[in-house]
Every structure is written in structure tokens, then in C-alpha cells.
């Protein structure tokens, strides 16, 4: 790419990503500096030149922006990629990563794969103290027995569960009358 000059790269998403990377890491006045340069995230010397950055990374594909594979390391060719918004959301420091059967994914990725809500998985871990296998269990976690409203809510229509369900609504009506 010797001798190539970039003509007006300012409207190019690749240039804007390069410029934003440099600003986050090198400019203490940048609002995100504390998450990048202030945390020790560096940029390889080669990428001081926009031309060499493009040689290493290529142009940004549509809908993608610059992402570090390992967020604890700096910006250099082996640790960077062009990633979609979804890929970047799954590659954040704050994500909860879970390992099940030798596979590690974010809570959100597991939830999507298993048809659960991400919030459900996180609540099971944080609030209920579930281990990974139990947190990723599809369906309700609560055990229920016959003769309870929980049994009725889980689809049991035996007379005992129906009676418990009806009793709950009688109790609610009675409380509302007193209020």
C-alpha cells in the first residue's frame, strides 16, 4: 500500500473508528478515557498511522465497528476485529459468563440459546443462589405439590389444586371488602 494517500477519509466509518480509538486511549479529556487509556489500554505504535491501521484491519464492513477480542488487552491487529453491535454487547467486561458442560457463554447467549429471558437467568444466580446448571434449567424452578395454587398455575386441574386456587381468590375478595 506504499504511496497510497487517503483522500478525505473523514466520512469513512473506518476512519471514524480509528479516530475514536485514539481519542479514548490517548486523550485524558475524553469522557471514556477512564475505561480505556486510564485503565492502561494502549494502541500499538504501528497504528499511529491511519494508512497502516487500514492495511492491518481492512475497511470496516457495513454495520460493524472496532472491537477488542480480549478487553483486558490493547488495540493491536491480533486482538482486534470488526464486530456487529450484538457481538460487541456479548464482549463486555460487565457480562456474566457461565460455563456449562465445558462451554462458556454470556448469560444472554445462554438465555437466547435455551429460550429463556436473560433477566431470568441472572435473577436465578443473584437472587436465588442457583448454580449454573440450575440457573439454565428451562421452565419453572419451584417445585409444587398437589393441593396448592402453584400446582394449579402449573397446569394441574385436580380437585385439590382447583380448590386451593379458588381459596386464594376468596381470600383476596375478603381482604378487598375489608379495605
Foldseek 3Di string as FASTA:
>chain_A
DPPDDDDPCVVAQLVVLLVVLCCLQPPPVDPNVCLAVVLPADADPQSVDSVSVCVLAPGADPQWHKDFQQSNYHHDSVGIHTDHPVVRVQRDPPFDWADDPRDIGTLCVLCVVLVHHSVQLVCCCPVVVDHNVLSSDPDDNDDDDFLACVCVVVPDDPPSNVVNVVVVVVVVVVVVVVD
